[in-house]
Protein backbone atom coordinates (compact mmCIF):
# COMPACT_ATOMS: atom_id res chain seq x y z
CA MET A 1 -3.30 25.06 -12.67
CA ASP A 2 -6.53 26.85 -11.11
CA LEU A 3 -8.47 25.13 -8.02
CA PHE A 4 -11.30 24.03 -10.51
CA LYS A 5 -9.31 22.51 -13.11
CA LEU A 6 -7.08 20.74 -10.21
CA LEU A 7 -10.18 19.21 -8.87
CA ALA A 8 -11.41 18.07 -12.08
CA GLU A 9 -8.31 16.48 -12.94
CA VAL A 10 -8.57 14.74 -9.50
CA ASP A 11 -11.87 13.42 -10.38
CA ARG A 12 -11.38 12.58 -13.88
CA GLY A 13 -8.09 10.82 -12.49
CA ILE A 14 -4.36 12.16 -12.63
CA PRO A 15 -2.29 10.41 -15.44
CA TYR A 16 0.06 7.86 -14.51
CA ARG A 17 2.84 9.91 -15.92
CA ALA A 18 2.66 12.26 -12.93
CA PHE A 19 3.60 9.22 -10.90
CA GLU A 20 6.65 8.69 -13.03
CA ARG A 21 7.49 12.77 -12.69
CA LEU A 22 7.43 12.11 -8.90
CA ARG A 23 9.26 9.15 -9.00
CA ARG A 24 12.07 10.80 -10.92
CA ASN A 25 11.80 14.24 -8.93
CA THR A 26 12.34 12.47 -5.58
CA SER A 27 14.72 9.79 -6.68
CA TRP A 28 12.64 7.19 -4.79
CA GLU A 29 11.93 3.65 -5.83
CA VAL A 30 8.57 2.79 -6.70
CA GLU A 31 8.09 0.95 -3.82
CA MET A 32 8.61 3.93 -1.74
CA LEU A 33 6.07 5.76 -3.44
CA ALA A 34 3.74 2.59 -3.34
CA PHE A 35 4.05 2.85 0.27
CA LEU A 36 3.72 6.87 0.69
CA LEU A 37 0.37 6.44 -1.62
CA ALA A 38 -0.67 3.29 -0.04
CA ILE A 39 -1.28 1.53 -3.16
CA PRO A 40 -0.34 -2.18 -3.79
CA GLN A 41 2.05 -2.89 -6.24
CA ARG A 42 -0.33 -5.06 -7.95
CA THR A 43 -2.74 -2.17 -8.28
CA LEU A 44 -0.10 0.35 -9.38
CA ALA A 45 0.73 -1.87 -12.32
CA ARG A 46 -2.94 -1.69 -13.35
CA ARG A 47 -2.78 1.87 -12.89
CA LYS A 48 -0.01 2.10 -14.85
CA GLN A 49 -1.66 -0.03 -17.90
CA GLU A 50 -4.83 2.36 -17.53
CA GLY A 51 -2.81 5.44 -17.50
CA ARG A 52 -4.94 6.86 -14.93
CA PHE A 53 -5.62 6.80 -11.22
CA HIS A 54 -8.68 6.78 -9.53
CA PRO A 55 -9.85 9.66 -7.72
CA ASP A 56 -8.87 8.69 -4.22
CA GLU A 57 -5.87 7.68 -5.37
CA SER A 58 -4.95 10.72 -7.11
CA ASP A 59 -5.88 12.72 -4.15
CA ARG A 60 -3.02 11.08 -2.15
CA LEU A 61 -0.76 11.63 -5.21
CA LEU A 62 -1.41 15.20 -5.05
CA ARG A 63 -0.87 15.30 -1.38
CA ALA A 64 2.57 13.37 -1.74
CA SER A 65 3.46 16.02 -4.37
CA ARG A 66 2.53 18.87 -2.51
CA ILE A 67 4.74 17.54 0.66
CA PHE A 68 7.65 16.96 -1.83
CA GLY A 69 7.05 20.45 -3.23
CA ARG A 70 7.22 22.17 0.36
CA ALA A 71 10.26 20.06 1.40
CA LEU A 72 11.92 21.33 -1.93
CA GLN A 73 11.25 24.79 -1.24
CA LEU A 74 12.79 24.16 2.43
CA PHE A 75 15.78 23.00 0.52
CA GLU A 76 15.82 25.80 -2.17
CA GLY A 77 15.22 23.30 -4.99
CA ASN A 78 17.76 20.65 -3.80
CA SER A 79 15.78 17.37 -4.55
CA LYS A 80 18.34 15.23 -2.81
CA GLU A 81 18.26 17.01 0.15
CA ALA A 82 14.46 17.31 0.30
CA SER A 83 14.12 13.59 -0.52
CA ALA A 84 16.47 12.83 2.41
CA TRP A 85 14.90 14.87 4.82
CA LEU A 86 11.56 13.37 4.17
CA GLU A 87 13.00 9.97 5.06
CA ARG A 88 14.72 10.95 8.10
CA PRO A 89 13.18 10.75 11.44
CA LEU A 90 12.81 14.20 12.97
CA PRO A 91 12.25 14.72 16.66
CA ALA A 92 9.65 17.58 16.01
CA LEU A 93 7.53 14.56 14.42
CA GLY A 94 8.18 12.25 17.76
CA ASN A 95 11.22 10.72 15.92
CA LEU A 96 8.67 9.72 12.91
CA ARG A 97 9.88 10.17 9.42
CA PRO A 98 8.01 12.85 7.39
CA ILE A 99 6.98 10.21 4.73
CA ASP A 100 5.18 7.94 6.95
CA LEU A 101 3.25 10.80 8.60
CA ALA A 102 2.45 12.34 4.97
CA ARG A 103 0.46 9.04 4.21
CA THR A 104 -2.48 10.62 6.04
CA GLU A 105 -3.82 14.13 5.60
CA VAL A 106 -3.55 14.68 9.46
CA GLY A 107 0.00 13.73 9.10
CA ALA A 108 0.64 15.83 6.08
CA LEU A 109 -0.81 18.92 7.64
CA GLU A 110 1.71 18.15 10.55
CA VAL A 111 4.61 17.70 8.22
CA GLU A 112 3.71 21.24 6.50
CA ARG A 113 3.58 22.84 10.07
CA VAL A 114 7.17 22.08 10.79
CA ILE A 115 8.33 22.85 7.62
CA LEU A 116 6.65 26.35 7.63
CA ALA A 117 8.42 26.66 11.44
CA LEU A 118 11.47 25.83 9.71
CA GLU A 119 10.87 28.55 6.91
CA HIS A 120 10.60 31.15 9.52
CA GLY A 121 13.33 30.10 11.53
CA VAL A 122 11.70 28.26 14.49
CA PHE A 123 13.65 25.28 15.23
CA LEU A 124 11.95 22.51 16.73
């Protein structure tokens, strides 16, 4: 999908099925993804009924998908390893879990920086 289509999709609201696909791919419970996206459970239930997320929620869903995708590349397509790595405290991140940092854009960028370093053989 090109950038402009993606921006339009975020503005329109990403369909709820994208959340379900991310949940299947990560094997995370709904509660874990709701935490990552900073969306209360009741709001998530409403979005499921509505079929779409609001633009700000869509942006966070896209960020979570991007981080998972980068971890998936790091672990050569092994979704269980990628998910487990995102849940594990890392010394390179101040012993915080990547999933906790990925709740904000600044934190997500730091997680991506660590992934990039690991992909290039730099052990942090």
